[in-house]
Amino acid sequence: MKSFFAAAAVACLPLVACTTQDAAPIAAINAQSEAETAAITAMLEAQDAAWNRGDIDGFMDGYWKSPELRFASGGKVTRGWDETNARYHNTYGGPETMGTLVTDDYEIVLLGPDAAVAHGRWKLTGREGTPWGLYTLVLRKMGGTWKIVSDTTTSAG
Protein backbone atom coordinates (compact mmCIF):
# COMPACT_ATOMS: atom_id res chain seq x y z
CA MET A 1 0.00 0.00 0.00
CA LYS A 2 2.86 2.34 0.86
CA SER A 3 4.24 1.90 -2.69
CA PHE A 4 0.92 2.93 -4.22
CA PHE A 5 0.74 6.17 -2.23
CA ALA A 6 4.31 7.00 -3.21
CA ALA A 7 3.42 6.39 -6.85
CA ALA A 8 0.34 8.61 -6.56
CA ALA A 9 2.42 11.40 -5.06
CA VAL A 10 5.02 11.11 -7.82
CA ALA A 11 2.22 11.21 -10.40
CA CYS A 12 1.38 14.73 -9.19
CA LEU A 13 4.93 16.05 -9.59
CA PRO A 14 4.72 17.04 -13.27
CA LEU A 15 1.52 19.02 -12.63
CA VAL A 16 1.61 22.72 -11.83
CA ALA A 17 -0.09 21.95 -8.52
CA CYS A 18 -1.99 19.09 -6.94
CA THR A 19 -5.20 20.72 -5.81
CA THR A 20 -7.91 19.44 -3.52
CA GLN A 21 -10.04 18.63 -6.55
CA ASP A 22 -7.48 15.87 -7.27
CA ALA A 23 -8.37 14.22 -3.95
CA ALA A 24 -11.58 12.56 -5.16
CA PRO A 25 -9.98 10.76 -8.12
CA ILE A 26 -7.02 9.71 -5.95
CA ALA A 27 -9.42 8.37 -3.30
CA ALA A 28 -11.22 6.37 -5.99
CA ILE A 29 -7.91 5.02 -7.25
CA ASN A 30 -6.89 4.13 -3.68
CA ALA A 31 -10.17 2.21 -3.17
CA GLN A 32 -9.67 0.31 -6.43
CA SER A 33 -6.06 -0.38 -5.46
CA GLU A 34 -7.15 -1.82 -2.11
CA ALA A 35 -9.71 -4.07 -3.82
CA GLU A 36 -7.20 -5.34 -6.39
CA THR A 37 -4.51 -5.86 -3.76
CA ALA A 38 -7.03 -7.83 -1.67
CA ALA A 39 -7.96 -9.96 -4.72
CA ILE A 40 -4.29 -10.74 -5.42
CA THR A 41 -3.65 -11.54 -1.75
CA ALA A 42 -6.69 -13.86 -1.72
CA MET A 43 -5.35 -15.70 -4.78
CA LEU A 44 -1.94 -16.14 -3.11
CA GLU A 45 -3.60 -17.39 0.09
CA ALA A 46 -5.73 -19.84 -1.95
CA GLN A 47 -2.50 -21.19 -3.44
CA ASP A 48 -1.08 -21.73 0.06
CA ALA A 49 -4.27 -23.52 1.13
CA ALA A 50 -4.20 -25.80 -1.94
CA TRP A 51 -0.53 -26.62 -1.35
CA ASN A 52 -1.18 -27.42 2.29
CA ARG A 53 -3.97 -29.81 1.24
CA GLY A 54 -1.40 -31.58 -0.96
CA ASP A 55 -3.16 -30.30 -4.09
CA ILE A 56 -0.51 -29.19 -6.60
CA ASP A 57 -3.10 -28.89 -9.37
CA GLY A 58 -5.18 -26.58 -7.14
CA PHE A 59 -2.03 -24.59 -6.36
CA MET A 60 -1.50 -24.22 -10.11
CA ASP A 61 -4.94 -22.56 -10.47
CA GLY A 62 -3.17 -19.29 -9.65
CA TYR A 63 -1.06 -19.56 -12.78
CA TRP A 64 -1.97 -18.57 -16.34
CA LYS A 65 -2.86 -21.79 -18.12
CA SER A 66 -0.81 -21.03 -21.21
CA PRO A 67 2.28 -22.30 -23.02
CA GLU A 68 3.60 -18.76 -22.49
CA LEU A 69 3.73 -19.02 -18.68
CA ARG A 70 7.30 -18.43 -17.42
CA PHE A 71 8.63 -20.02 -14.24
CA ALA A 72 12.25 -19.44 -13.18
CA SER A 73 13.84 -21.21 -10.23
CA GLY A 74 17.12 -22.92 -9.42
CA GLY A 75 18.86 -21.31 -12.37
CA LYS A 76 16.42 -22.86 -14.84
CA VAL A 77 13.50 -21.40 -16.79
CA THR A 78 10.45 -23.58 -17.39
CA ARG A 79 7.97 -22.41 -20.01
CA GLY A 80 4.31 -23.38 -20.13
CA TRP A 81 1.63 -24.27 -17.60
CA ASP A 82 1.82 -28.02 -18.31
CA GLU A 83 5.59 -28.02 -17.95
CA THR A 84 5.49 -25.98 -14.73
CA ASN A 85 2.81 -28.27 -13.29
CA ALA A 86 4.92 -31.33 -14.16
CA ARG A 87 7.98 -29.67 -12.57
CA TYR A 88 6.07 -29.15 -9.30
CA HIS A 89 4.81 -32.76 -9.30
CA ASN A 90 8.29 -34.14 -10.05
CA THR A 91 10.02 -31.93 -7.46
CA TYR A 92 7.55 -32.22 -4.59
CA GLY A 93 5.74 -35.52 -5.14
CA GLY A 94 2.50 -35.83 -3.20
CA PRO A 95 0.97 -34.60 0.04
CA GLU A 96 3.26 -36.70 2.22
CA THR A 97 6.44 -35.04 0.86
CA MET A 98 5.30 -31.50 -0.02
CA GLY A 99 5.65 -29.91 3.41
CA THR A 100 3.59 -26.98 4.66
CA LEU A 101 3.84 -23.75 2.64
CA VAL A 102 3.85 -20.41 4.40
CA THR A 103 4.07 -17.23 2.33
CA ASP A 104 4.22 -13.76 3.79
CA ASP A 105 5.83 -10.35 3.53
CA TYR A 106 3.61 -9.53 0.55
CA GLU A 107 4.45 -6.39 -1.37
CA ILE A 108 1.98 -5.86 -4.22
CA VAL A 109 2.44 -3.07 -6.72
CA LEU A 110 -0.30 -2.33 -9.25
CA LEU A 111 1.12 -1.30 -12.60
CA GLY A 112 -2.27 -0.65 -14.21
CA PRO A 113 -5.85 -1.92 -14.12
CA ASP A 114 -4.79 -5.36 -15.37
CA ALA A 115 -1.12 -5.68 -14.39
CA ALA A 116 0.71 -6.07 -11.08
CA VAL A 117 3.92 -7.29 -9.50
CA ALA A 118 3.90 -9.20 -6.22
CA HIS A 119 6.95 -9.83 -4.07
CA GLY A 120 6.99 -12.10 -1.07
CA ARG A 121 8.74 -14.71 1.02
CA TRP A 122 8.02 -18.45 1.10
CA LYS A 123 8.97 -21.23 3.51
CA LEU A 124 8.32 -24.96 3.44
CA THR A 125 8.16 -26.55 6.88
CA GLY A 126 8.20 -30.32 7.18
CA ARG A 127 10.77 -30.72 4.39
CA GLU A 128 14.42 -31.46 5.01
CA GLY A 129 16.27 -28.30 5.93
CA THR A 130 13.10 -26.13 5.93
CA PRO A 131 13.78 -24.46 2.59
CA TRP A 132 12.80 -20.83 2.16
CA GLY A 133 13.33 -17.96 -0.23
CA LEU A 134 11.82 -15.04 -2.08
CA TYR A 135 9.62 -14.70 -5.12
CA THR A 136 8.64 -12.08 -7.65
CA LEU A 137 5.42 -12.63 -9.57
CA VAL A 138 4.16 -10.75 -12.61
CA LEU A 139 0.35 -10.90 -12.68
CA ARG A 140 -2.27 -10.03 -15.27
CA LYS A 141 -5.99 -9.68 -14.72
CA MET A 142 -7.72 -11.88 -17.28
CA GLY A 143 -11.46 -12.38 -17.43
CA GLY A 144 -11.75 -10.60 -14.08
CA THR A 145 -9.28 -12.96 -12.36
CA TRP A 146 -5.65 -12.32 -11.42
CA LYS A 147 -3.22 -14.91 -12.81
CA ILE A 148 0.53 -15.32 -12.48
CA VAL A 149 2.15 -14.99 -15.92
CA SER A 150 5.76 -15.06 -14.72
CA ASP A 151 7.23 -16.43 -11.47
CA THR A 152 10.84 -15.99 -10.40
CA THR A 153 11.46 -17.90 -7.17
CA THR A 154 14.76 -17.95 -5.33
CA SER A 155 15.90 -20.29 -2.60
CA ALA A 156 17.92 -18.96 0.30
CA GLY A 157 18.04 -22.00 2.50
C-alpha atoms as a PDB file:
ATOM      1  CA  MET A   1       0.000   0.000   0.000  1.00  0.00           C
ATOM      2  CA  LYS A   2       2.859   2.340   0.861  1.00  0.00           C
ATOM      3  CA  SER A   3       4.237   1.902  -2.687  1.00  0.00           C
ATOM      4  CA  PHE A   4       0.922   2.933  -4.223  1.00  0.00           C
ATOM      5  CA  PHE A   5       0.743   6.168  -2.227  1.00  0.00           C
ATOM      6  CA  ALA A   6       4.312   7.003  -3.213  1.00  0.00           C
ATOM      7  CA  ALA A   7       3.420   6.390  -6.853  1.00  0.00           C
ATOM      8  CA  ALA A   8       0.336   8.605  -6.558  1.00  0.00           C
ATOM      9  CA  ALA A   9       2.419  11.398  -5.057  1.00  0.00           C
ATOM     10  CA  VAL A  10       5.015  11.111  -7.818  1.00  0.00           C
ATOM     11  CA  ALA A  11       2.222  11.212 -10.402  1.00  0.00           C
ATOM     12  CA  CYS A  12       1.376  14.729  -9.195  1.00  0.00           C
ATOM     13  CA  LEU A  13       4.928  16.048  -9.588  1.00  0.00           C
ATOM     14  CA  PRO A  14       4.716  17.043 -13.269  1.00  0.00           C
ATOM     15  CA  LEU A  15       1.517  19.018 -12.627  1.00  0.00           C
ATOM     16  CA  VAL A  16       1.613  22.715 -11.832  1.00  0.00           C
ATOM     17  CA  ALA A  17      -0.091  21.955  -8.520  1.00  0.00           C
ATOM     18  CA  CYS A  18      -1.988  19.090  -6.940  1.00  0.00           C
ATOM     19  CA  THR A  19      -5.203  20.715  -5.809  1.00  0.00           C
ATOM     20  CA  THR A  20      -7.908  19.439  -3.523  1.00  0.00           C
ATOM     21  CA  GLN A  21     -10.044  18.633  -6.554  1.00  0.00           C
ATOM     22  CA  ASP A  22      -7.483  15.871  -7.270  1.00  0.00           C
ATOM     23  CA  ALA A  23      -8.373  14.220  -3.952  1.00  0.00           C
ATOM     24  CA  ALA A  24     -11.578  12.565  -5.159  1.00  0.00           C
ATOM     25  CA  PRO A  25      -9.982  10.760  -8.120  1.00  0.00           C
ATOM     26  CA  ILE A  26      -7.021   9.710  -5.954  1.00  0.00           C
ATOM     27  CA  ALA A  27      -9.421   8.373  -3.305  1.00  0.00           C
ATOM     28  CA  ALA A  28     -11.224   6.366  -5.994  1.00  0.00           C
ATOM     29  CA  ILE A  29      -7.907   5.016  -7.250  1.00  0.00           C
ATOM     30  CA  ASN A  30      -6.894   4.128  -3.685  1.00  0.00           C
ATOM     31  CA  ALA A  31     -10.165   2.205  -3.171  1.00  0.00           C
ATOM     32  CA  GLN A  32      -9.672   0.313  -6.431  1.00  0.00           C
ATOM     33  CA  SER A  33      -6.061  -0.376  -5.463  1.00  0.00           C
ATOM     34  CA  GLU A  34      -7.151  -1.816  -2.113  1.00  0.00           C
ATOM     35  CA  ALA A  35      -9.712  -4.066  -3.818  1.00  0.00           C
ATOM     36  CA  GLU A  36      -7.199  -5.338  -6.391  1.00  0.00           C
ATOM     37  CA  THR A  37      -4.509  -5.864  -3.757  1.00  0.00           C
ATOM     38  CA  ALA A  38      -7.033  -7.830  -1.672  1.00  0.00           C
ATOM     39  CA  ALA A  39      -7.958  -9.963  -4.715  1.00  0.00           C
ATOM     40  CA  ILE A  40      -4.292 -10.744  -5.417  1.00  0.00           C
ATOM     41  CA  THR A  41      -3.651 -11.540  -1.748  1.00  0.00           C
ATOM     42  CA  ALA A  42      -6.685 -13.860  -1.723  1.00  0.00           C
ATOM     43  CA  MET A  43      -5.346 -15.697  -4.782  1.00  0.00           C
ATOM     44  CA  LEU A  44      -1.943 -16.143  -3.108  1.00  0.00           C
ATOM     45  CA  GLU A  45      -3.602 -17.392   0.095  1.00  0.00           C
ATOM     46  CA  ALA A  46      -5.725 -19.837  -1.948  1.00  0.00           C
ATOM     47  CA  GLN A  47      -2.496 -21.190  -3.442  1.00  0.00           C
ATOM     48  CA  ASP A  48      -1.082 -21.729   0.062  1.00  0.00           C
ATOM     49  CA  ALA A  49      -4.266 -23.521   1.127  1.00  0.00           C
ATOM     50  CA  ALA A  50      -4.200 -25.802  -1.941  1.00  0.00           C
ATOM     51  CA  TRP A  51      -0.526 -26.622  -1.350  1.00  0.00           C
ATOM     52  CA  ASN A  52      -1.184 -27.417   2.290  1.00  0.00           C
ATOM     53  CA  ARG A  53      -3.968 -29.812   1.244  1.00  0.00           C
ATOM     54  CA  GLY A  54      -1.402 -31.577  -0.955  1.00  0.00           C
ATOM     55  CA  ASP A  55      -3.157 -30.302  -4.088  1.00  0.00           C
ATOM     56  CA  ILE A  56      -0.509 -29.192  -6.598  1.00  0.00           C
ATOM     57  CA  ASP A  57      -3.101 -28.890  -9.366  1.00  0.00           C
ATOM     58  CA  GLY A  58      -5.182 -26.582  -7.142  1.00  0.00           C
ATOM     59  CA  PHE A  59      -2.034 -24.590  -6.357  1.00  0.00           C
ATOM     60  CA  MET A  60      -1.501 -24.221 -10.107  1.00  0.00           C
ATOM     61  CA  ASP A  61      -4.936 -22.556 -10.474  1.00  0.00           C
ATOM     62  CA  GLY A  62      -3.172 -19.290  -9.646  1.00  0.00           C
ATOM     63  CA  TYR A  63      -1.057 -19.565 -12.776  1.00  0.00           C
ATOM     64  CA  TRP A  64      -1.969 -18.567 -16.337  1.00  0.00           C
ATOM     65  CA  LYS A  65      -2.857 -21.788 -18.122  1.00  0.00           C
ATOM     66  CA  SER A  66      -0.813 -21.026 -21.210  1.00  0.00           C
ATOM     67  CA  PRO A  67       2.280 -22.296 -23.021  1.00  0.00           C
ATOM     68  CA  GLU A  68       3.604 -18.755 -22.489  1.00  0.00           C
ATOM     69  CA  LEU A  69       3.734 -19.023 -18.675  1.00  0.00           C
ATOM     70  CA  ARG A  70       7.300 -18.428 -17.422  1.00  0.00           C
ATOM     71  CA  PHE A  71       8.635 -20.023 -14.235  1.00  0.00           C
ATOM     72  CA  ALA A  72      12.245 -19.442 -13.177  1.00  0.00           C
ATOM     73  CA  SER A  73      13.843 -21.207 -10.233  1.00  0.00           C
ATOM     74  CA  GLY A  74      17.115 -22.925  -9.423  1.00  0.00           C
ATOM     75  CA  GLY A  75      18.860 -21.305 -12.368  1.00  0.00           C
ATOM     76  CA  LYS A  76      16.415 -22.864 -14.843  1.00  0.00           C
ATOM     77  CA  VAL A  77      13.504 -21.403 -16.791  1.00  0.00           C
ATOM     78  CA  THR A  78      10.450 -23.577 -17.389  1.00  0.00           C
ATOM     79  CA  ARG A  79       7.972 -22.405 -20.007  1.00  0.00           C
ATOM     80  CA  GLY A  80       4.311 -23.383 -20.128  1.00  0.00           C
ATOM     81  CA  TRP A  81       1.627 -24.270 -17.601  1.00  0.00           C
ATOM     82  CA  ASP A  82       1.821 -28.015 -18.306  1.00  0.00           C
ATOM     83  CA  GLU A  83       5.594 -28.024 -17.952  1.00  0.00           C
ATOM     84  CA  THR A  84       5.489 -25.976 -14.727  1.00  0.00           C
ATOM     85  CA  ASN A  85       2.814 -28.273 -13.290  1.00  0.00           C
ATOM     86  CA  ALA A  86       4.923 -31.326 -14.164  1.00  0.00           C
ATOM     87  CA  ARG A  87       7.977 -29.674 -12.567  1.00  0.00           C
ATOM     88  CA  TYR A  88       6.069 -29.155  -9.297  1.00  0.00           C
ATOM     89  CA  HIS A  89       4.808 -32.761  -9.303  1.00  0.00           C
ATOM     90  CA  ASN A  90       8.294 -34.141 -10.046  1.00  0.00           C
ATOM     91  CA  THR A  91      10.022 -31.935  -7.464  1.00  0.00           C
ATOM     92  CA  TYR A  92       7.550 -32.222  -4.590  1.00  0.00           C
ATOM     93  CA  GLY A  93       5.736 -35.523  -5.142  1.00  0.00           C
ATOM     94  CA  GLY A  94       2.505 -35.834  -3.205  1.00  0.00           C
ATOM     95  CA  PRO A  95       0.969 -34.597   0.040  1.00  0.00           C
ATOM     96  CA  GLU A  96       3.256 -36.697   2.223  1.00  0.00           C
ATOM     97  CA  THR A  97       6.436 -35.042   0.856  1.00  0.00           C
ATOM     98  CA  MET A  98       5.303 -31.501  -0.015  1.00  0.00           C
ATOM     99  CA  GLY A  99       5.645 -29.911   3.409  1.00  0.00           C
ATOM    100  CA  THR A 100       3.594 -26.977   4.655  1.00  0.00           C
ATOM    101  CA  LEU A 101       3.836 -23.750   2.640  1.00  0.00           C
ATOM    102  CA  VAL A 102       3.851 -20.407   4.397  1.00  0.00           C
ATOM    103  CA  THR A 103       4.070 -17.233   2.325  1.00  0.00           C
ATOM    104  CA  ASP A 104       4.224 -13.757   3.787  1.00  0.00           C
ATOM    105  CA  ASP A 105       5.829 -10.352   3.527  1.00  0.00           C
ATOM    106  CA  TYR A 106       3.606  -9.527   0.548  1.00  0.00           C
ATOM    107  CA  GLU A 107       4.447  -6.393  -1.374  1.00  0.00           C
ATOM    108  CA  ILE A 108       1.984  -5.862  -4.219  1.00  0.00           C
ATOM    109  CA  VAL A 109       2.439  -3.065  -6.723  1.00  0.00           C
ATOM    110  CA  LEU A 110      -0.303  -2.332  -9.248  1.00  0.00           C
ATOM    111  CA  LEU A 111       1.118  -1.304 -12.601  1.00  0.00           C
ATOM    112  CA  GLY A 112      -2.271  -0.652 -14.211  1.00  0.00           C
ATOM    113  CA  PRO A 113      -5.848  -1.919 -14.117  1.00  0.00           C
ATOM    114  CA  ASP A 114      -4.790  -5.364 -15.366  1.00  0.00           C
ATOM    115  CA  ALA A 115      -1.120  -5.680 -14.387  1.00  0.00           C
ATOM    116  CA  ALA A 116       0.710  -6.072 -11.082  1.00  0.00           C
ATOM    117  CA  VAL A 117       3.923  -7.292  -9.500  1.00  0.00           C
ATOM    118  CA  ALA A 118       3.897  -9.204  -6.223  1.00  0.00           C
ATOM    119  CA  HIS A 119       6.945  -9.833  -4.072  1.00  0.00           C
ATOM    120  CA  GLY A 120       6.991 -12.103  -1.066  1.00  0.00           C
ATOM    121  CA  ARG A 121       8.737 -14.711   1.016  1.00  0.00           C
ATOM    122  CA  TRP A 122       8.025 -18.452   1.098  1.00  0.00           C
ATOM    123  CA  LYS A 123       8.969 -21.227   3.515  1.00  0.00           C
ATOM    124  CA  LEU A 124       8.315 -24.961   3.442  1.00  0.00           C
ATOM    125  CA  THR A 125       8.158 -26.553   6.875  1.00  0.00           C
ATOM    126  CA  GLY A 126       8.204 -30.322   7.180  1.00  0.00           C
ATOM    127  CA  ARG A 127      10.773 -30.720   4.394  1.00  0.00           C
ATOM    128  CA  GLU A 128      14.417 -31.463   5.014  1.00  0.00           C
ATOM    129  CA  GLY A 129      16.271 -28.296   5.930  1.00  0.00           C
ATOM    130  CA  THR A 130      13.103 -26.129   5.935  1.00  0.00           C
ATOM    131  CA  PRO A 131      13.781 -24.455   2.586  1.00  0.00           C
ATOM    132  CA  TRP A 132      12.802 -20.827   2.164  1.00  0.00           C
ATOM    133  CA  GLY A 133      13.332 -17.961  -0.226  1.00  0.00           C
ATOM    134  CA  LEU A 134      11.818 -15.036  -2.076  1.00  0.00           C
ATOM    135  CA  TYR A 135       9.618 -14.696  -5.120  1.00  0.00           C
ATOM    136  CA  THR A 136       8.639 -12.077  -7.651  1.00  0.00           C
ATOM    137  CA  LEU A 137       5.417 -12.629  -9.573  1.00  0.00           C
ATOM    138  CA  VAL A 138       4.160 -10.751 -12.612  1.00  0.00           C
ATOM    139  CA  LEU A 139       0.352 -10.902 -12.681  1.00  0.00           C
ATOM    140  CA  ARG A 140      -2.268 -10.030 -15.265  1.00  0.00           C
ATOM    141  CA  LYS A 141      -5.989  -9.684 -14.720  1.00  0.00           C
ATOM    142  CA  MET A 142      -7.723 -11.882 -17.282  1.00  0.00           C
ATOM    143  CA  GLY A 143     -11.457 -12.376 -17.426  1.00  0.00           C
ATOM    144  CA  GLY A 144     -11.753 -10.599 -14.083  1.00  0.00           C
ATOM    145  CA  THR A 145      -9.278 -12.956 -12.364  1.00  0.00           C
ATOM    146  CA  TRP A 146      -5.655 -12.317 -11.423  1.00  0.00           C
ATOM    147  CA  LYS A 147      -3.219 -14.911 -12.807  1.00  0.00           C
ATOM    148  CA  ILE A 148       0.529 -15.320 -12.478  1.00  0.00           C
ATOM    149  CA  VAL A 149       2.145 -14.985 -15.919  1.00  0.00           C
ATOM    150  CA  SER A 150       5.763 -15.056 -14.717  1.00  0.00           C
ATOM    151  CA  ASP A 151       7.229 -16.426 -11.474  1.00  0.00           C
ATOM    152  CA  THR A 152      10.836 -15.995 -10.399  1.00  0.00           C
ATOM    153  CA  THR A 153      11.461 -17.896  -7.169  1.00  0.00           C
ATOM    154  CA  THR A 154      14.761 -17.948  -5.332  1.00  0.00           C
ATOM    155  CA  SER A 155      15.903 -20.290  -2.604  1.00  0.00           C
ATOM    156  CA  ALA A 156      17.924 -18.957   0.305  1.00  0.00           C
ATOM    157  CA  GLY A 157      18.043 -22.004   2.502  1.00  0.00           C
END
